[in-house]
Amino acid sequence: VQLQASGGGLVQAGGSLRLSCAASGLTTFSMYAMGWFRQAPGKEREFVATISCSGGSTDYADSVKGRFTISRDNAKNTVYLQMNILKPEDTAVYYCAGRKYYCGSYYTLSTYDYWGQGTLVTVSS
C-alpha cells in the first residue's frame, strides 16, 4: 500500500490550500479509515483530522476545527484536506495515514498502518 500526498505549497495567511492523498496498491480503499497529521519544525507529529471508511464521520483537532475539512472519494481512492483561513502556525509537513479494516475515528499515530511521504505547507504572515 502506498499513500501519495500532494498539494502543499506557500500561501499567505488567510489563504486556502487543498491537500490530496492518493492510495494505491490496495483493492478496498473503502475499508480504510484515513487521517491527516502534521509536524512543524522542532515539534512532534500531531493529529489534524480523521474520517471514517464511508466518509460519514469526521473529527478534527481543536486548532483546525471550523477551518479545515476532511473528505474522501472512495471511487478515486483519495482523501482530501481542504484548509481555509490558514495561519502561520499551520506551517508544517502534512502527512496522510490509513488504518486498514477499521472504520472509526482514530487520533493517535500508532493506530495507523500506512503513511504518506508528507507535503510541506508554509503559511506566511
C-alpha atoms as a PDB file:
ATOM      1  CA  VAL A   1       0.000   0.000   0.000  1.00  0.00           C
ATOM      2  CA  GLN A   2       1.295   3.451  -0.924  1.00  0.00           C
ATOM      3  CA  LEU A   3      -0.086   6.839   0.046  1.00  0.00           C
ATOM      4  CA  GLN A   4       0.981   9.822  -2.041  1.00  0.00           C
ATOM      5  CA  ALA A   5       0.279  13.241  -0.536  1.00  0.00           C
ATOM      6  CA  SER A   6       0.290  16.368  -2.678  1.00  0.00           C
ATOM      7  CA  GLY A   7      -0.988  19.927  -2.798  1.00  0.00           C
ATOM      8  CA  GLY A   8       1.290  21.664  -0.345  1.00  0.00           C
ATOM      9  CA  GLY A   9       2.908  24.992  -1.050  1.00  0.00           C
ATOM     10  CA  LEU A  10       3.436  28.555   0.069  1.00  0.00           C
ATOM     11  CA  VAL A  11       0.371  30.627   0.883  1.00  0.00           C
ATOM     12  CA  GLN A  12      -0.299  33.888   2.672  1.00  0.00           C
ATOM     13  CA  ALA A  13      -2.137  33.975   5.967  1.00  0.00           C
ATOM     14  CA  GLY A  14      -5.869  33.875   5.372  1.00  0.00           C
ATOM     15  CA  GLY A  15      -5.474  31.859   2.209  1.00  0.00           C
ATOM     16  CA  SER A  16      -6.520  28.334   1.303  1.00  0.00           C
ATOM     17  CA  LEU A  17      -4.968  25.092   0.106  1.00  0.00           C
ATOM     18  CA  ARG A  18      -6.346  21.667  -0.671  1.00  0.00           C
ATOM     19  CA  LEU A  19      -4.217  18.637   0.048  1.00  0.00           C
ATOM     20  CA  SER A  20      -4.797  15.309  -1.654  1.00  0.00           C
ATOM     21  CA  CYS A  21      -3.695  11.823  -0.691  1.00  0.00           C
ATOM     22  CA  ALA A  22      -3.960   9.120  -3.328  1.00  0.00           C
ATOM     23  CA  ALA A  23      -3.829   5.486  -2.237  1.00  0.00           C
ATOM     24  CA  SER A  24      -2.532   2.697  -4.433  1.00  0.00           C
ATOM     25  CA  GLY A  25      -1.680  -0.963  -4.065  1.00  0.00           C
ATOM     26  CA  LEU A  26      -4.920  -1.834  -2.366  1.00  0.00           C
ATOM     27  CA  THR A  27      -8.285  -3.084  -3.532  1.00  0.00           C
ATOM     28  CA  THR A  28     -10.609  -1.888  -0.785  1.00  0.00           C
ATOM     29  CA  PHE A  29      -9.926   1.758  -0.013  1.00  0.00           C
ATOM     30  CA  SER A  30     -13.442   1.980   1.368  1.00  0.00           C
ATOM     31  CA  MET A  31     -12.344  -0.311   4.221  1.00  0.00           C
ATOM     32  CA  TYR A  32      -9.625   2.081   5.406  1.00  0.00           C
ATOM     33  CA  ALA A  33     -10.151   4.825   7.941  1.00  0.00           C
ATOM     34  CA  MET A  34      -7.967   7.786   6.977  1.00  0.00           C
ATOM     35  CA  GLY A  35      -6.352  10.641   8.803  1.00  0.00           C
ATOM     36  CA  TRP A  36      -4.182  13.705   8.399  1.00  0.00           C
ATOM     37  CA  PHE A  37      -1.375  14.621  10.767  1.00  0.00           C
ATOM     38  CA  ARG A  38       1.207  17.397  10.697  1.00  0.00           C
ATOM     39  CA  GLN A  39       4.667  18.057  12.037  1.00  0.00           C
ATOM     40  CA  ALA A  40       6.025  21.545  12.496  1.00  0.00           C
ATOM     41  CA  PRO A  41       9.781  22.175  12.759  1.00  0.00           C
ATOM     42  CA  GLY A  42      11.076  21.075  16.139  1.00  0.00           C
ATOM     43  CA  LYS A  43       7.743  19.646  17.214  1.00  0.00           C
ATOM     44  CA  GLU A  44       6.154  16.224  17.414  1.00  0.00           C
ATOM     45  CA  ARG A  45       3.758  14.983  14.790  1.00  0.00           C
ATOM     46  CA  GLU A  46       0.192  15.825  15.778  1.00  0.00           C
ATOM     47  CA  PHE A  47      -3.313  14.826  14.810  1.00  0.00           C
ATOM     48  CA  VAL A  48      -5.234  17.099  12.443  1.00  0.00           C
ATOM     49  CA  ALA A  49      -8.300  15.246  11.134  1.00  0.00           C
ATOM     50  CA  THR A  50      -9.832  11.800  10.761  1.00  0.00           C
ATOM     51  CA  ILE A  51     -12.516  10.352   8.517  1.00  0.00           C
ATOM     52  CA  SER A  52     -14.361   7.041   8.651  1.00  0.00           C
ATOM     53  CA  CYS A  53     -14.441   4.498   5.847  1.00  0.00           C
ATOM     54  CA  SER A  54     -17.655   5.805   4.312  1.00  0.00           C
ATOM     55  CA  GLY A  55     -16.864   9.451   4.994  1.00  0.00           C
ATOM     56  CA  GLY A  56     -19.912   9.768   7.183  1.00  0.00           C
ATOM     57  CA  SER A  57     -17.951  10.562  10.328  1.00  0.00           C
ATOM     58  CA  THR A  58     -15.207  13.165  10.688  1.00  0.00           C
ATOM     59  CA  ASP A  59     -13.388  14.803  13.547  1.00  0.00           C
ATOM     60  CA  TYR A  60     -10.753  17.489  13.946  1.00  0.00           C
ATOM     61  CA  ALA A  61      -8.155  18.862  16.269  1.00  0.00           C
ATOM     62  CA  ASP A  62      -9.439  21.901  18.125  1.00  0.00           C
ATOM     63  CA  SER A  63      -6.790  24.059  16.470  1.00  0.00           C
ATOM     64  CA  VAL A  64      -8.248  23.485  12.985  1.00  0.00           C
ATOM     65  CA  LYS A  65     -11.926  22.949  13.718  1.00  0.00           C
ATOM     66  CA  GLY A  66     -14.072  25.259  11.611  1.00  0.00           C
ATOM     67  CA  ARG A  67     -11.226  25.983   9.178  1.00  0.00           C
ATOM     68  CA  PHE A  68     -10.245  22.559   7.796  1.00  0.00           C
ATOM     69  CA  THR A  69     -12.452  19.925   6.166  1.00  0.00           C
ATOM     70  CA  ILE A  70     -11.503  16.315   5.544  1.00  0.00           C
ATOM     71  CA  SER A  71     -13.303  14.384   2.825  1.00  0.00           C
ATOM     72  CA  ARG A  72     -12.792  11.318   0.666  1.00  0.00           C
ATOM     73  CA  ASP A  73     -13.715   9.927  -2.725  1.00  0.00           C
ATOM     74  CA  ASN A  74     -13.677   6.156  -2.462  1.00  0.00           C
ATOM     75  CA  ALA A  75     -14.117   5.764  -6.211  1.00  0.00           C
ATOM     76  CA  LYS A  76     -10.809   7.615  -6.690  1.00  0.00           C
ATOM     77  CA  ASN A  77      -9.002   6.096  -3.675  1.00  0.00           C
ATOM     78  CA  THR A  78      -8.303   9.619  -2.485  1.00  0.00           C
ATOM     79  CA  VAL A  79      -8.695  11.599   0.721  1.00  0.00           C
ATOM     80  CA  TYR A  80      -8.597  15.391   0.831  1.00  0.00           C
ATOM     81  CA  LEU A  81      -7.908  18.111   3.353  1.00  0.00           C
ATOM     82  CA  GLN A  82      -9.378  21.495   2.494  1.00  0.00           C
ATOM     83  CA  MET A  83      -7.603  24.142   4.551  1.00  0.00           C
ATOM     84  CA  ASN A  84      -9.109  27.618   4.796  1.00  0.00           C
ATOM     85  CA  ILE A  85      -8.201  30.726   6.769  1.00  0.00           C
ATOM     86  CA  LEU A  86      -4.660  29.462   7.087  1.00  0.00           C
ATOM     87  CA  LYS A  87      -2.469  30.821   9.851  1.00  0.00           C
ATOM     88  CA  PRO A  88       1.334  30.925  10.190  1.00  0.00           C
ATOM     89  CA  GLU A  89       1.039  28.320  12.951  1.00  0.00           C
ATOM     90  CA  ASP A  90      -0.385  25.887  10.392  1.00  0.00           C
ATOM     91  CA  THR A  91       3.056  25.731   8.781  1.00  0.00           C
ATOM     92  CA  ALA A  92       4.159  22.087   8.852  1.00  0.00           C
ATOM     93  CA  VAL A  93       4.710  18.967   6.839  1.00  0.00           C
ATOM     94  CA  TYR A  94       1.322  17.309   6.435  1.00  0.00           C
ATOM     95  CA  TYR A  95       1.041  13.514   6.351  1.00  0.00           C
ATOM     96  CA  CYS A  96      -1.857  11.319   5.399  1.00  0.00           C
ATOM     97  CA  ALA A  97      -2.327   7.966   7.107  1.00  0.00           C
ATOM     98  CA  GLY A  98      -4.515   4.914   6.691  1.00  0.00           C
ATOM     99  CA  ARG A  99      -5.795   2.234   9.018  1.00  0.00           C
ATOM    100  CA  LYS A 100      -6.935  -0.914   7.285  1.00  0.00           C
ATOM    101  CA  TYR A 101     -10.167  -2.726   8.045  1.00  0.00           C
ATOM    102  CA  TYR A 102     -11.175  -0.337  10.837  1.00  0.00           C
ATOM    103  CA  CYS A 103     -13.826   2.258  10.146  1.00  0.00           C
ATOM    104  CA  GLY A 104     -13.986   4.547  13.153  1.00  0.00           C
ATOM    105  CA  SER A 105     -12.202   7.758  14.053  1.00  0.00           C
ATOM    106  CA  TYR A 106      -8.580   7.484  15.124  1.00  0.00           C
ATOM    107  CA  TYR A 107      -6.418  10.130  16.724  1.00  0.00           C
ATOM    108  CA  THR A 108      -3.045   8.615  17.542  1.00  0.00           C
ATOM    109  CA  LEU A 109      -0.083   7.840  15.298  1.00  0.00           C
ATOM    110  CA  SER A 110       0.249   4.273  16.497  1.00  0.00           C
ATOM    111  CA  THR A 111      -3.239   3.287  15.353  1.00  0.00           C
ATOM    112  CA  TYR A 112      -2.419   3.851  11.671  1.00  0.00           C
ATOM    113  CA  ASP A 113      -0.849   1.205   9.460  1.00  0.00           C
ATOM    114  CA  TYR A 114       0.299   3.232   6.461  1.00  0.00           C
ATOM    115  CA  TRP A 115       1.769   6.700   5.991  1.00  0.00           C
ATOM    116  CA  GLY A 116       2.341   9.013   3.070  1.00  0.00           C
ATOM    117  CA  GLN A 117       5.604  10.838   2.498  1.00  0.00           C
ATOM    118  CA  GLY A 118       4.347  14.257   3.563  1.00  0.00           C
ATOM    119  CA  THR A 119       3.736  17.537   1.785  1.00  0.00           C
ATOM    120  CA  LEU A 120       5.034  20.882   3.054  1.00  0.00           C
ATOM    121  CA  VAL A 121       2.622  23.710   3.800  1.00  0.00           C
ATOM    122  CA  THR A 122       4.138  27.113   4.519  1.00  0.00           C
ATOM    123  CA  VAL A 123       1.929  29.989   5.614  1.00  0.00           C
ATOM    124  CA  SER A 124       3.495  33.436   5.536  1.00  0.00           C
ATOM    125  CA  SER A 125       2.324  36.275   7.749  1.00  0.00           C
END
